[in-house]
Amino acid sequence: MLTMLTPNSVLISDDATLIYKPAYNRDRHVVIASDQDDTVSSLDTLFRLEGFKVFTCNSAEAVEAALDQTQVSILVVHFDAATSLSVLAMTRAHQMGVGVFVIFSEHDIDNTVTAMRAGAFDVLKTPFDPERLVNGVRDLMRSNTLVLPPVHGHRQVVIRGFSQLTPRERQVLQLTVNGKSNRESALELGISARTVEVHRARLMMKIGAKNTADLIRIALTS
């Protein structure tokens, strides 16, 4: 039995079903980061058809601004190799739980390995297969979407994990992963240590972490 608890404290049992529907993506944000107009155009259409809210960025600076302003579920990066890897590292530093897909214009095994080790969910090479990209995104979204067994003829849909975190909970998570104590996090955020404790308890419940060490492990391996 999974020990994940939803924000409404519903225990998810073995009877829960992993499921994917584009309709569930209406509140999920995708950032397409590329300086290639054809890539941006094709991916914008692709993800809108999947129900996502889509933002486009043509520079690393624009990606950073988007991460500061929006809770991002999926990031697709297609710059030159050095810029793409830099954006991937920046994303890991800004937000936890973002599914990053990297597209390289040339096949380079070293860059591919570096991207995967840095947390990319998948690495593709141009000309990339749109179906492979969509299937990868669907797999990622499906792993966080469950339909509970029917109760009185109704089924509850639960969106698990990082997508449920509030901006403040994401900040607390990032500070925790960076090794900050509750008191240190409170000073940086300008709130009380007790408030940090509450945020950390809530995000642990949403992600399904048993303790702080487990929370960090889940965050770093997501």
N, C-alpha and C. Protein backbone atom coordinates (compact mmCIF):
# COMPACT_ATOMS: atom_id res chain seq x y z
N MET A 1 0.85 -1.20 0.00
CA MET A 1 0.00 0.00 0.00
C MET A 1 0.88 1.24 0.00
N LEU A 2 0.54 2.21 -0.86
CA LEU A 2 1.27 3.46 -0.87
C LEU A 2 0.96 4.25 0.39
N THR A 3 1.94 4.94 0.91
CA THR A 3 1.73 5.72 2.11
C THR A 3 1.51 7.20 1.81
N MET A 4 1.36 7.52 0.51
CA MET A 4 1.13 8.91 0.13
C MET A 4 -0.22 9.39 0.65
N LEU A 5 -0.22 10.58 1.24
CA LEU A 5 -1.47 11.21 1.65
C LEU A 5 -1.71 12.43 0.78
N THR A 6 -2.91 12.62 0.38
CA THR A 6 -3.27 13.80 -0.39
C THR A 6 -3.45 14.97 0.56
N PRO A 7 -3.58 16.19 0.01
CA PRO A 7 -3.80 17.34 0.89
C PRO A 7 -5.06 17.20 1.73
N ASN A 8 -6.01 16.39 1.29
CA ASN A 8 -7.23 16.17 2.05
C ASN A 8 -7.13 14.95 2.96
N SER A 9 -5.91 14.47 3.17
CA SER A 9 -5.64 13.34 4.05
C SER A 9 -6.38 12.06 3.62
N VAL A 10 -6.47 11.84 2.30
CA VAL A 10 -7.06 10.61 1.78
C VAL A 10 -5.94 9.61 1.56
N LEU A 11 -6.03 8.46 2.19
CA LEU A 11 -5.00 7.43 2.02
C LEU A 11 -5.18 6.76 0.67
N ILE A 12 -4.13 6.73 -0.13
CA ILE A 12 -4.18 6.11 -1.45
C ILE A 12 -3.84 4.63 -1.30
N SER A 13 -4.75 3.79 -1.68
CA SER A 13 -4.57 2.35 -1.49
C SER A 13 -4.13 1.68 -2.77
N ASP A 14 -3.94 0.36 -2.69
CA ASP A 14 -3.55 -0.41 -3.87
C ASP A 14 -4.64 -0.40 -4.94
N ASP A 15 -5.86 -0.05 -4.57
CA ASP A 15 -6.95 -0.04 -5.52
C ASP A 15 -6.95 1.22 -6.40
N ALA A 16 -6.11 2.20 -6.05
CA ALA A 16 -6.03 3.41 -6.85
C ALA A 16 -5.44 3.08 -8.22
N THR A 17 -5.90 3.77 -9.25
CA THR A 17 -5.49 3.49 -10.61
C THR A 17 -4.73 4.67 -11.20
N LEU A 18 -3.51 4.41 -11.71
CA LEU A 18 -2.77 5.45 -12.41
C LEU A 18 -3.46 5.71 -13.74
N ILE A 19 -3.67 6.96 -14.05
CA ILE A 19 -4.42 7.28 -15.26
C ILE A 19 -3.92 8.60 -15.83
N TYR A 20 -4.09 8.78 -17.13
CA TYR A 20 -3.69 10.02 -17.76
C TYR A 20 -4.80 10.50 -18.68
N LYS A 21 -5.17 11.76 -18.52
CA LYS A 21 -6.11 12.41 -19.42
C LYS A 21 -5.64 13.85 -19.64
N PRO A 22 -5.63 14.32 -20.89
CA PRO A 22 -5.23 15.71 -21.13
C PRO A 22 -6.03 16.71 -20.31
N ALA A 23 -7.27 16.38 -19.98
CA ALA A 23 -8.10 17.31 -19.20
C ALA A 23 -7.49 17.61 -17.84
N TYR A 24 -6.68 16.68 -17.32
CA TYR A 24 -6.06 16.89 -16.02
C TYR A 24 -4.92 17.91 -16.09
N ASN A 25 -4.51 18.29 -17.31
CA ASN A 25 -3.37 19.19 -17.47
C ASN A 25 -3.75 20.67 -17.48
N ARG A 26 -5.02 20.98 -17.28
CA ARG A 26 -5.48 22.35 -17.47
C ARG A 26 -4.79 23.34 -16.52
N ASP A 27 -4.32 22.87 -15.38
CA ASP A 27 -3.63 23.76 -14.44
C ASP A 27 -2.13 23.49 -14.40
N ARG A 28 -1.65 22.71 -15.35
CA ARG A 28 -0.22 22.40 -15.40
C ARG A 28 0.45 23.28 -16.46
N HIS A 29 1.65 23.76 -16.13
CA HIS A 29 2.35 24.69 -17.01
C HIS A 29 3.54 24.01 -17.67
N VAL A 30 3.66 24.23 -18.97
CA VAL A 30 4.81 23.76 -19.74
C VAL A 30 5.58 24.98 -20.24
N VAL A 31 6.89 24.95 -20.06
CA VAL A 31 7.75 26.00 -20.60
C VAL A 31 8.56 25.41 -21.75
N ILE A 32 8.44 26.01 -22.91
CA ILE A 32 9.24 25.62 -24.07
C ILE A 32 10.37 26.63 -24.20
N ALA A 33 11.59 26.18 -23.99
CA ALA A 33 12.75 27.07 -23.99
C ALA A 33 13.61 26.76 -25.21
N SER A 34 13.58 27.65 -26.18
CA SER A 34 14.33 27.40 -27.42
C SER A 34 14.49 28.70 -28.19
N ASP A 35 15.60 28.81 -28.93
CA ASP A 35 15.80 29.93 -29.84
C ASP A 35 15.55 29.50 -31.28
N GLN A 36 14.94 28.33 -31.44
CA GLN A 36 14.59 27.81 -32.76
C GLN A 36 13.08 27.98 -32.98
N ASP A 37 12.72 28.87 -33.90
CA ASP A 37 11.30 29.19 -34.10
C ASP A 37 10.48 27.97 -34.49
N ASP A 38 11.03 27.10 -35.32
CA ASP A 38 10.27 25.93 -35.75
C ASP A 38 10.01 24.98 -34.58
N THR A 39 10.99 24.84 -33.68
CA THR A 39 10.82 24.01 -32.49
C THR A 39 9.72 24.57 -31.60
N VAL A 40 9.78 25.88 -31.36
CA VAL A 40 8.79 26.53 -30.50
C VAL A 40 7.39 26.38 -31.07
N SER A 41 7.24 26.60 -32.35
CA SER A 41 5.93 26.54 -32.99
C SER A 41 5.33 25.14 -32.91
N SER A 42 6.12 24.12 -33.23
CA SER A 42 5.60 22.75 -33.24
C SER A 42 5.28 22.27 -31.83
N LEU A 43 6.16 22.60 -30.86
CA LEU A 43 5.93 22.14 -29.49
C LEU A 43 4.78 22.90 -28.83
N ASP A 44 4.63 24.16 -29.16
CA ASP A 44 3.52 24.94 -28.62
C ASP A 44 2.19 24.27 -28.99
N THR A 45 2.05 23.92 -30.25
CA THR A 45 0.82 23.24 -30.70
C THR A 45 0.67 21.88 -30.04
N LEU A 46 1.77 21.15 -29.96
CA LEU A 46 1.75 19.80 -29.40
C LEU A 46 1.24 19.80 -27.96
N PHE A 47 1.77 20.69 -27.14
CA PHE A 47 1.40 20.70 -25.72
C PHE A 47 0.04 21.34 -25.47
N ARG A 48 -0.36 22.28 -26.30
CA ARG A 48 -1.71 22.82 -26.15
C ARG A 48 -2.76 21.76 -26.45
N LEU A 49 -2.47 20.90 -27.41
CA LEU A 49 -3.39 19.80 -27.71
C LEU A 49 -3.46 18.81 -26.55
N GLU A 50 -2.40 18.76 -25.73
CA GLU A 50 -2.40 17.90 -24.55
C GLU A 50 -3.04 18.57 -23.34
N GLY A 51 -3.53 19.78 -23.53
CA GLY A 51 -4.27 20.46 -22.47
C GLY A 51 -3.46 21.36 -21.57
N PHE A 52 -2.16 21.49 -21.81
CA PHE A 52 -1.31 22.29 -20.93
C PHE A 52 -1.44 23.79 -21.20
N LYS A 53 -1.10 24.58 -20.20
CA LYS A 53 -0.86 25.99 -20.39
C LYS A 53 0.60 26.13 -20.81
N VAL A 54 0.85 26.80 -21.93
CA VAL A 54 2.19 26.82 -22.52
C VAL A 54 2.80 28.22 -22.45
N PHE A 55 4.06 28.27 -22.03
CA PHE A 55 4.84 29.50 -22.04
C PHE A 55 6.07 29.24 -22.91
N THR A 56 6.51 30.24 -23.65
CA THR A 56 7.70 30.08 -24.48
C THR A 56 8.77 31.05 -24.04
N CYS A 57 10.02 30.58 -24.08
CA CYS A 57 11.17 31.41 -23.69
C CYS A 57 12.26 31.24 -24.74
N ASN A 58 12.89 32.34 -25.12
CA ASN A 58 13.94 32.24 -26.14
C ASN A 58 15.34 32.48 -25.59
N SER A 59 15.46 32.47 -24.25
CA SER A 59 16.77 32.66 -23.63
C SER A 59 16.78 32.03 -22.24
N ALA A 60 17.98 31.82 -21.73
CA ALA A 60 18.11 31.26 -20.38
C ALA A 60 17.55 32.23 -19.35
N GLU A 61 17.72 33.52 -19.60
CA GLU A 61 17.22 34.53 -18.67
C GLU A 61 15.70 34.49 -18.60
N ALA A 62 15.06 34.28 -19.74
CA ALA A 62 13.60 34.19 -19.77
C ALA A 62 13.11 32.96 -19.03
N VAL A 63 13.86 31.86 -19.13
CA VAL A 63 13.50 30.64 -18.40
C VAL A 63 13.57 30.89 -16.90
N GLU A 64 14.61 31.56 -16.46
CA GLU A 64 14.78 31.85 -15.03
C GLU A 64 13.61 32.70 -14.53
N ALA A 65 13.20 33.68 -15.32
CA ALA A 65 12.07 34.53 -14.93
C ALA A 65 10.78 33.71 -14.85
N ALA A 66 10.60 32.79 -15.79
CA ALA A 66 9.40 31.94 -15.78
C ALA A 66 9.38 31.04 -14.55
N LEU A 67 10.53 30.51 -14.17
CA LEU A 67 10.61 29.65 -12.99
C LEU A 67 10.33 30.43 -11.71
N ASP A 68 10.68 31.71 -11.72
CA ASP A 68 10.43 32.56 -10.55
C ASP A 68 8.95 32.90 -10.41
N GLN A 69 8.24 32.94 -11.53
CA GLN A 69 6.87 33.44 -11.53
C GLN A 69 5.81 32.34 -11.62
N THR A 70 6.19 31.15 -12.04
CA THR A 70 5.21 30.12 -12.34
C THR A 70 5.63 28.77 -11.78
N GLN A 71 4.67 27.97 -11.32
CA GLN A 71 4.94 26.59 -10.94
C GLN A 71 4.94 25.77 -12.23
N VAL A 72 6.11 25.29 -12.61
CA VAL A 72 6.30 24.60 -13.89
C VAL A 72 6.25 23.09 -13.69
N SER A 73 5.48 22.42 -14.52
CA SER A 73 5.43 20.96 -14.48
C SER A 73 6.42 20.34 -15.45
N ILE A 74 6.48 20.91 -16.67
CA ILE A 74 7.34 20.37 -17.72
C ILE A 74 8.16 21.50 -18.33
N LEU A 75 9.44 21.22 -18.56
CA LEU A 75 10.32 22.16 -19.27
C LEU A 75 10.98 21.42 -20.42
N VAL A 76 10.83 21.95 -21.63
CA VAL A 76 11.51 21.38 -22.79
C VAL A 76 12.57 22.38 -23.24
N VAL A 77 13.82 21.95 -23.28
CA VAL A 77 14.95 22.83 -23.56
C VAL A 77 15.61 22.46 -24.88
N HIS A 78 15.75 23.45 -25.77
CA HIS A 78 16.45 23.22 -27.04
C HIS A 78 17.26 24.46 -27.40
N PHE A 79 18.42 24.60 -26.76
CA PHE A 79 19.40 25.61 -27.11
C PHE A 79 20.66 24.86 -27.58
N ASP A 80 21.78 25.58 -27.70
CA ASP A 80 23.04 24.88 -27.90
C ASP A 80 23.33 24.06 -26.65
N ALA A 81 24.20 23.08 -26.77
CA ALA A 81 24.42 22.12 -25.68
C ALA A 81 24.81 22.80 -24.37
N ALA A 82 25.72 23.76 -24.42
CA ALA A 82 26.19 24.42 -23.20
C ALA A 82 25.06 25.19 -22.52
N THR A 83 24.25 25.90 -23.30
CA THR A 83 23.14 26.67 -22.72
C THR A 83 22.08 25.73 -22.17
N SER A 84 21.79 24.66 -22.89
CA SER A 84 20.78 23.71 -22.42
C SER A 84 21.16 23.09 -21.09
N LEU A 85 22.43 22.71 -20.95
CA LEU A 85 22.89 22.13 -19.70
C LEU A 85 22.86 23.16 -18.57
N SER A 86 23.17 24.40 -18.90
CA SER A 86 23.11 25.46 -17.91
C SER A 86 21.68 25.70 -17.44
N VAL A 87 20.73 25.67 -18.37
CA VAL A 87 19.32 25.84 -18.02
C VAL A 87 18.84 24.68 -17.16
N LEU A 88 19.29 23.47 -17.48
CA LEU A 88 18.92 22.29 -16.69
C LEU A 88 19.40 22.44 -15.25
N ALA A 89 20.64 22.86 -15.07
CA ALA A 89 21.19 23.05 -13.73
C ALA A 89 20.45 24.16 -12.99
N MET A 90 20.13 25.23 -13.69
CA MET A 90 19.40 26.35 -13.08
C MET A 90 18.01 25.90 -12.64
N THR A 91 17.37 25.08 -13.44
CA THR A 91 16.03 24.59 -13.11
C THR A 91 16.06 23.78 -11.83
N ARG A 92 17.04 22.91 -11.70
CA ARG A 92 17.17 22.10 -10.48
C ARG A 92 17.37 22.99 -9.26
N ALA A 93 18.04 24.12 -9.44
CA ALA A 93 18.30 25.02 -8.32
C ALA A 93 17.07 25.85 -7.96
N HIS A 94 16.20 26.11 -8.94
CA HIS A 94 15.05 26.98 -8.72
C HIS A 94 13.81 26.24 -8.23
N GLN A 95 13.49 25.12 -8.87
CA GLN A 95 12.26 24.41 -8.54
C GLN A 95 12.52 22.91 -8.52
N MET A 96 11.93 22.24 -7.53
CA MET A 96 12.00 20.80 -7.49
C MET A 96 10.79 20.23 -8.21
N GLY A 97 10.94 19.05 -8.76
CA GLY A 97 9.81 18.35 -9.35
C GLY A 97 9.45 18.75 -10.76
N VAL A 98 10.31 19.52 -11.44
CA VAL A 98 10.06 19.87 -12.83
C VAL A 98 10.57 18.75 -13.73
N GLY A 99 9.71 18.26 -14.62
CA GLY A 99 10.14 17.24 -15.57
C GLY A 99 10.83 17.91 -16.75
N VAL A 100 12.14 17.71 -16.90
CA VAL A 100 12.91 18.40 -17.94
C VAL A 100 13.24 17.44 -19.08
N PHE A 101 12.92 17.89 -20.30
CA PHE A 101 13.24 17.15 -21.51
C PHE A 101 14.20 18.01 -22.32
N VAL A 102 15.35 17.45 -22.67
CA VAL A 102 16.39 18.20 -23.38
C VAL A 102 16.48 17.70 -24.82
N ILE A 103 16.54 18.65 -25.75
CA ILE A 103 16.71 18.31 -27.17
C ILE A 103 18.06 18.86 -27.62
N PHE A 104 18.92 18.00 -28.13
CA PHE A 104 20.20 18.41 -28.67
C PHE A 104 20.15 18.36 -30.19
N SER A 105 20.82 19.32 -30.84
CA SER A 105 20.85 19.34 -32.30
C SER A 105 21.82 18.32 -32.86
N GLU A 106 22.80 17.94 -32.06
CA GLU A 106 23.78 16.94 -32.49
C GLU A 106 23.89 15.86 -31.42
N HIS A 107 24.10 14.63 -31.87
CA HIS A 107 24.24 13.53 -30.92
C HIS A 107 25.62 13.59 -30.28
N ASP A 108 25.65 13.73 -28.98
CA ASP A 108 26.90 13.76 -28.23
C ASP A 108 26.67 12.96 -26.96
N ILE A 109 27.31 11.80 -26.87
CA ILE A 109 27.06 10.90 -25.75
C ILE A 109 27.44 11.54 -24.42
N ASP A 110 28.52 12.35 -24.42
CA ASP A 110 28.94 12.99 -23.17
C ASP A 110 27.89 13.97 -22.67
N ASN A 111 27.35 14.78 -23.59
CA ASN A 111 26.31 15.74 -23.19
C ASN A 111 25.04 15.02 -22.75
N THR A 112 24.73 13.93 -23.43
CA THR A 112 23.54 13.16 -23.07
C THR A 112 23.67 12.60 -21.66
N VAL A 113 24.82 12.02 -21.36
CA VAL A 113 25.07 11.46 -20.03
C VAL A 113 25.04 12.56 -18.98
N THR A 114 25.65 13.70 -19.29
CA THR A 114 25.65 14.82 -18.35
C THR A 114 24.24 15.30 -18.06
N ALA A 115 23.42 15.39 -19.10
CA ALA A 115 22.04 15.85 -18.92
C ALA A 115 21.24 14.87 -18.08
N MET A 116 21.40 13.58 -18.32
CA MET A 116 20.65 12.58 -17.56
C MET A 116 21.09 12.60 -16.10
N ARG A 117 22.37 12.72 -15.87
CA ARG A 117 22.87 12.77 -14.49
C ARG A 117 22.41 14.03 -13.77
N ALA A 118 22.18 15.10 -14.53
CA ALA A 118 21.73 16.36 -13.93
C ALA A 118 20.23 16.38 -13.71
N GLY A 119 19.54 15.30 -14.09
CA GLY A 119 18.12 15.20 -13.78
C GLY A 119 17.17 15.30 -14.94
N ALA A 120 17.66 15.27 -16.19
CA ALA A 120 16.75 15.30 -17.34
C ALA A 120 15.93 14.01 -17.37
N PHE A 121 14.64 14.14 -17.63
CA PHE A 121 13.79 12.96 -17.72
C PHE A 121 14.07 12.19 -18.99
N ASP A 122 14.39 12.91 -20.07
CA ASP A 122 14.74 12.26 -21.33
C ASP A 122 15.55 13.24 -22.16
N VAL A 123 16.38 12.69 -23.04
CA VAL A 123 17.20 13.49 -23.96
C VAL A 123 16.90 13.03 -25.38
N LEU A 124 16.56 13.97 -26.25
CA LEU A 124 16.23 13.66 -27.63
C LEU A 124 17.19 14.40 -28.56
N LYS A 125 17.28 13.92 -29.80
CA LYS A 125 18.14 14.55 -30.80
C LYS A 125 17.30 14.95 -32.00
N THR A 126 17.61 16.12 -32.56
CA THR A 126 16.89 16.57 -33.76
C THR A 126 17.34 15.75 -34.97
N PRO A 127 16.41 15.48 -35.88
CA PRO A 127 14.97 15.74 -35.76
C PRO A 127 14.35 14.79 -34.75
N PHE A 128 13.68 15.34 -33.73
CA PHE A 128 13.16 14.51 -32.65
C PHE A 128 11.79 13.95 -33.02
N ASP A 129 11.44 12.88 -32.36
CA ASP A 129 10.16 12.21 -32.57
C ASP A 129 9.12 12.81 -31.62
N PRO A 130 8.16 13.57 -32.12
CA PRO A 130 7.16 14.19 -31.24
C PRO A 130 6.40 13.16 -30.41
N GLU A 131 6.15 11.98 -30.97
CA GLU A 131 5.42 10.95 -30.25
C GLU A 131 6.21 10.46 -29.04
N ARG A 132 7.52 10.33 -29.20
CA ARG A 132 8.36 9.92 -28.06
C ARG A 132 8.30 10.98 -26.96
N LEU A 133 8.37 12.25 -27.35
CA LEU A 133 8.31 13.33 -26.37
C LEU A 133 6.98 13.32 -25.63
N VAL A 134 5.90 13.22 -26.37
CA VAL A 134 4.57 13.22 -25.75
C VAL A 134 4.38 12.01 -24.84
N ASN A 135 4.84 10.86 -25.30
CA ASN A 135 4.71 9.65 -24.47
C ASN A 135 5.50 9.79 -23.19
N GLY A 136 6.68 10.42 -23.25
CA GLY A 136 7.47 10.63 -22.05
C GLY A 136 6.76 11.55 -21.07
N VAL A 137 6.16 12.61 -21.60
CA VAL A 137 5.41 13.54 -20.75
C VAL A 137 4.20 12.84 -20.15
N ARG A 138 3.51 12.04 -20.95
CA ARG A 138 2.34 11.32 -20.45
C ARG A 138 2.73 10.36 -19.33
N ASP A 139 3.86 9.67 -19.50
CA ASP A 139 4.32 8.75 -18.45
C ASP A 139 4.59 9.50 -17.16
N LEU A 140 5.22 10.67 -17.29
CA LEU A 140 5.55 11.48 -16.11
C LEU A 140 4.29 11.97 -15.43
N MET A 141 3.33 12.45 -16.21
CA MET A 141 2.08 12.96 -15.64
C MET A 141 1.24 11.82 -15.05
N ARG A 142 1.25 10.68 -15.72
CA ARG A 142 0.47 9.53 -15.24
C ARG A 142 0.95 9.07 -13.88
N SER A 143 2.24 9.16 -13.63
CA SER A 143 2.78 8.69 -12.36
C SER A 143 2.32 9.54 -11.19
N ASN A 144 1.80 10.74 -11.48
CA ASN A 144 1.34 11.63 -10.42
C ASN A 144 -0.17 11.81 -10.40
N THR A 145 -0.90 11.05 -11.21
CA THR A 145 -2.35 11.19 -11.29
C THR A 145 -3.01 9.85 -11.01
N LEU A 146 -3.84 9.79 -9.99
CA LEU A 146 -4.52 8.55 -9.64
C LEU A 146 -6.02 8.78 -9.56
N VAL A 147 -6.76 7.72 -9.88
CA VAL A 147 -8.20 7.73 -9.70
C VAL A 147 -8.52 6.72 -8.61
N LEU A 148 -9.15 7.18 -7.55
CA LEU A 148 -9.47 6.32 -6.41
C LEU A 148 -10.67 5.43 -6.71
N PRO A 149 -10.82 4.34 -5.96
CA PRO A 149 -11.98 3.46 -6.13
C PRO A 149 -13.28 4.24 -5.93
N PRO A 150 -14.34 3.87 -6.64
CA PRO A 150 -15.60 4.62 -6.54
C PRO A 150 -16.21 4.56 -5.14
N VAL A 151 -16.73 5.69 -4.72
CA VAL A 151 -17.46 5.79 -3.45
C VAL A 151 -18.81 6.43 -3.77
N HIS A 152 -19.87 5.69 -3.53
CA HIS A 152 -21.22 6.17 -3.85
C HIS A 152 -21.32 6.58 -5.32
N GLY A 153 -20.64 5.82 -6.18
CA GLY A 153 -20.73 6.06 -7.61
C GLY A 153 -19.82 7.14 -8.16
N HIS A 154 -19.01 7.74 -7.30
CA HIS A 154 -18.12 8.81 -7.74
C HIS A 154 -16.67 8.41 -7.48
N ARG A 155 -15.79 8.79 -8.42
CA ARG A 155 -14.36 8.52 -8.28
C ARG A 155 -13.62 9.85 -8.07
N GLN A 156 -12.73 9.86 -7.10
CA GLN A 156 -11.94 11.05 -6.82
C GLN A 156 -10.62 10.98 -7.57
N VAL A 157 -10.29 12.05 -8.27
CA VAL A 157 -9.01 12.15 -8.97
C VAL A 157 -8.03 12.88 -8.07
N VAL A 158 -6.87 12.29 -7.85
CA VAL A 158 -5.85 12.86 -6.97
C VAL A 158 -4.60 13.16 -7.78
N ILE A 159 -4.17 14.41 -7.76
CA ILE A 159 -2.90 14.79 -8.38
C ILE A 159 -1.86 14.81 -7.27
N ARG A 160 -0.90 13.91 -7.37
CA ARG A 160 0.06 13.74 -6.28
C ARG A 160 1.29 14.62 -6.45
N GLY A 161 2.00 14.76 -5.35
CA GLY A 161 3.38 15.20 -5.38
C GLY A 161 3.60 16.67 -5.63
N PHE A 162 4.67 16.98 -6.40
CA PHE A 162 5.16 18.34 -6.53
C PHE A 162 4.14 19.29 -7.13
N SER A 163 3.28 18.80 -8.01
CA SER A 163 2.30 19.69 -8.64
C SER A 163 1.33 20.27 -7.63
N GLN A 164 1.23 19.66 -6.44
CA GLN A 164 0.31 20.15 -5.42
C GLN A 164 0.97 21.14 -4.46
N LEU A 165 2.26 21.34 -4.58
CA LEU A 165 2.95 22.23 -3.65
C LEU A 165 2.66 23.69 -3.96
N THR A 166 2.45 24.47 -2.91
CA THR A 166 2.28 25.90 -3.07
C THR A 166 3.66 26.53 -3.32
N PRO A 167 3.70 27.77 -3.82
CA PRO A 167 5.01 28.43 -4.01
C PRO A 167 5.84 28.46 -2.74
N ARG A 168 5.22 28.72 -1.58
CA ARG A 168 5.97 28.77 -0.33
C ARG A 168 6.50 27.39 0.04
N GLU A 169 5.69 26.35 -0.17
CA GLU A 169 6.15 24.98 0.11
C GLU A 169 7.32 24.61 -0.77
N ARG A 170 7.30 25.07 -2.02
CA ARG A 170 8.43 24.81 -2.91
C ARG A 170 9.69 25.53 -2.41
N GLN A 171 9.52 26.74 -1.90
CA GLN A 171 10.67 27.46 -1.34
C GLN A 171 11.24 26.72 -0.13
N VAL A 172 10.37 26.25 0.74
CA VAL A 172 10.82 25.52 1.92
C VAL A 172 11.52 24.24 1.50
N LEU A 173 10.96 23.55 0.50
CA LEU A 173 11.58 22.32 0.00
C LEU A 173 12.98 22.61 -0.53
N GLN A 174 13.11 23.66 -1.34
CA GLN A 174 14.41 23.99 -1.91
C GLN A 174 15.42 24.30 -0.82
N LEU A 175 15.02 25.04 0.19
CA LEU A 175 15.93 25.38 1.29
C LEU A 175 16.31 24.14 2.09
N THR A 176 15.35 23.23 2.26
CA THR A 176 15.62 21.98 2.98
C THR A 176 16.65 21.15 2.22
N VAL A 177 16.46 21.05 0.92
CA VAL A 177 17.41 20.29 0.09
C VAL A 177 18.79 20.93 0.13
N ASN A 178 18.82 22.26 0.27
CA ASN A 178 20.10 22.97 0.35
C ASN A 178 20.72 22.90 1.74
N GLY A 179 20.07 22.14 2.64
CA GLY A 179 20.66 21.91 3.96
C GLY A 179 20.31 22.93 5.02
N LYS A 180 19.32 23.78 4.75
CA LYS A 180 18.94 24.80 5.72
C LYS A 180 18.05 24.21 6.82
N SER A 181 18.28 24.65 8.03
CA SER A 181 17.41 24.25 9.15
C SER A 181 16.13 25.07 9.10
N ASN A 182 15.16 24.70 9.94
CA ASN A 182 13.92 25.47 10.00
C ASN A 182 14.20 26.93 10.37
N ARG A 183 15.09 27.12 11.32
CA ARG A 183 15.41 28.49 11.75
C ARG A 183 16.09 29.26 10.62
N GLU A 184 17.03 28.63 9.93
CA GLU A 184 17.73 29.32 8.84
C GLU A 184 16.78 29.62 7.69
N SER A 185 15.88 28.67 7.40
CA SER A 185 14.89 28.89 6.34
C SER A 185 13.96 30.04 6.72
N ALA A 186 13.58 30.09 7.99
CA ALA A 186 12.69 31.15 8.46
C ALA A 186 13.33 32.52 8.28
N LEU A 187 14.61 32.64 8.62
CA LEU A 187 15.31 33.92 8.46
C LEU A 187 15.38 34.34 7.00
N GLU A 188 15.62 33.38 6.12
CA GLU A 188 15.74 33.69 4.68
C GLU A 188 14.40 34.08 4.08
N LEU A 189 13.33 33.46 4.56
CA LEU A 189 11.99 33.71 4.01
C LEU A 189 11.26 34.83 4.74
N GLY A 190 11.78 35.24 5.89
CA GLY A 190 11.13 36.30 6.64
C GLY A 190 9.86 35.86 7.35
N ILE A 191 9.82 34.59 7.77
CA ILE A 191 8.68 34.06 8.49
C ILE A 191 9.19 33.36 9.75
N SER A 192 8.29 32.87 10.57
CA SER A 192 8.71 32.22 11.81
C SER A 192 9.14 30.78 11.56
N ALA A 193 9.97 30.27 12.46
CA ALA A 193 10.42 28.88 12.35
C ALA A 193 9.23 27.92 12.45
N ARG A 194 8.24 28.28 13.27
CA ARG A 194 7.05 27.45 13.41
C ARG A 194 6.28 27.36 12.09
N THR A 195 6.21 28.48 11.37
CA THR A 195 5.53 28.47 10.07
C THR A 195 6.28 27.59 9.09
N VAL A 196 7.60 27.63 9.14
CA VAL A 196 8.40 26.75 8.28
C VAL A 196 8.10 25.29 8.60
N GLU A 197 8.00 24.98 9.88
CA GLU A 197 7.69 23.61 10.29
C GLU A 197 6.35 23.15 9.71
N VAL A 198 5.36 24.05 9.73
CA VAL A 198 4.04 23.71 9.19
C VAL A 198 4.13 23.46 7.68
N HIS A 199 4.84 24.33 6.97
CA HIS A 199 4.98 24.15 5.53
C HIS A 199 5.71 22.84 5.21
N ARG A 200 6.75 22.56 5.99
CA ARG A 200 7.51 21.33 5.74
C ARG A 200 6.66 20.10 6.01
N ALA A 201 5.86 20.13 7.06
CA ALA A 201 4.99 18.99 7.37
C ALA A 201 3.97 18.77 6.26
N ARG A 202 3.43 19.85 5.72
CA ARG A 202 2.43 19.73 4.66
C ARG A 202 3.04 19.20 3.37
N LEU A 203 4.22 19.69 3.02
CA LEU A 203 4.83 19.22 1.77
C LEU A 203 5.29 17.78 1.91
N MET A 204 5.71 17.37 3.11
CA MET A 204 6.08 15.97 3.33
C MET A 204 4.87 15.07 3.15
N MET A 205 3.71 15.53 3.63
CA MET A 205 2.50 14.76 3.47
C MET A 205 2.12 14.63 2.00
N LYS A 206 2.26 15.73 1.25
CA LYS A 206 1.87 15.72 -0.15
C LYS A 206 2.79 14.84 -0.99
N ILE A 207 4.08 14.87 -0.67
CA ILE A 207 5.05 14.10 -1.45
C ILE A 207 5.16 12.66 -0.94
N GLY A 208 4.76 12.44 0.30
CA GLY A 208 4.81 11.10 0.84
C GLY A 208 6.11 10.76 1.53
N ALA A 209 6.79 11.77 2.06
CA ALA A 209 8.07 11.56 2.74
C ALA A 209 7.84 11.22 4.21
N LYS A 210 8.60 10.26 4.71
CA LYS A 210 8.45 9.83 6.10
C LYS A 210 9.21 10.74 7.06
N ASN A 211 10.31 11.32 6.60
CA ASN A 211 11.12 12.20 7.43
C ASN A 211 11.91 13.13 6.51
N THR A 212 12.73 13.98 7.09
CA THR A 212 13.47 14.96 6.29
C THR A 212 14.43 14.29 5.33
N ALA A 213 15.11 13.25 5.77
CA ALA A 213 16.04 12.54 4.89
C ALA A 213 15.31 11.94 3.71
N ASP A 214 14.14 11.38 3.96
CA ASP A 214 13.33 10.80 2.89
C ASP A 214 12.85 11.88 1.94
N LEU A 215 12.51 13.05 2.49
CA LEU A 215 12.07 14.18 1.69
C LEU A 215 13.17 14.60 0.71
N ILE A 216 14.38 14.71 1.22
CA ILE A 216 15.51 15.11 0.38
C ILE A 216 15.78 14.06 -0.69
N ARG A 217 15.70 12.79 -0.31
CA ARG A 217 15.92 11.71 -1.28
C ARG A 217 14.90 11.77 -2.41
N ILE A 218 13.64 11.95 -2.07
CA ILE A 218 12.59 12.01 -3.09
C ILE A 218 12.81 13.21 -4.01
N ALA A 219 13.15 14.35 -3.42
CA ALA A 219 13.35 15.56 -4.20
C ALA A 219 14.52 15.42 -5.17
N LEU A 220 15.61 14.86 -4.70
CA LEU A 220 16.82 14.76 -5.54
C LEU A 220 16.71 13.68 -6.60
N THR A 221 15.83 12.72 -6.41
CA THR A 221 15.70 11.64 -7.40
C THR A 221 14.47 11.79 -8.27
N SER A 222 13.72 12.88 -8.08
CA SER A 222 12.49 13.08 -8.87
C SER A 222 12.86 13.49 -10.29
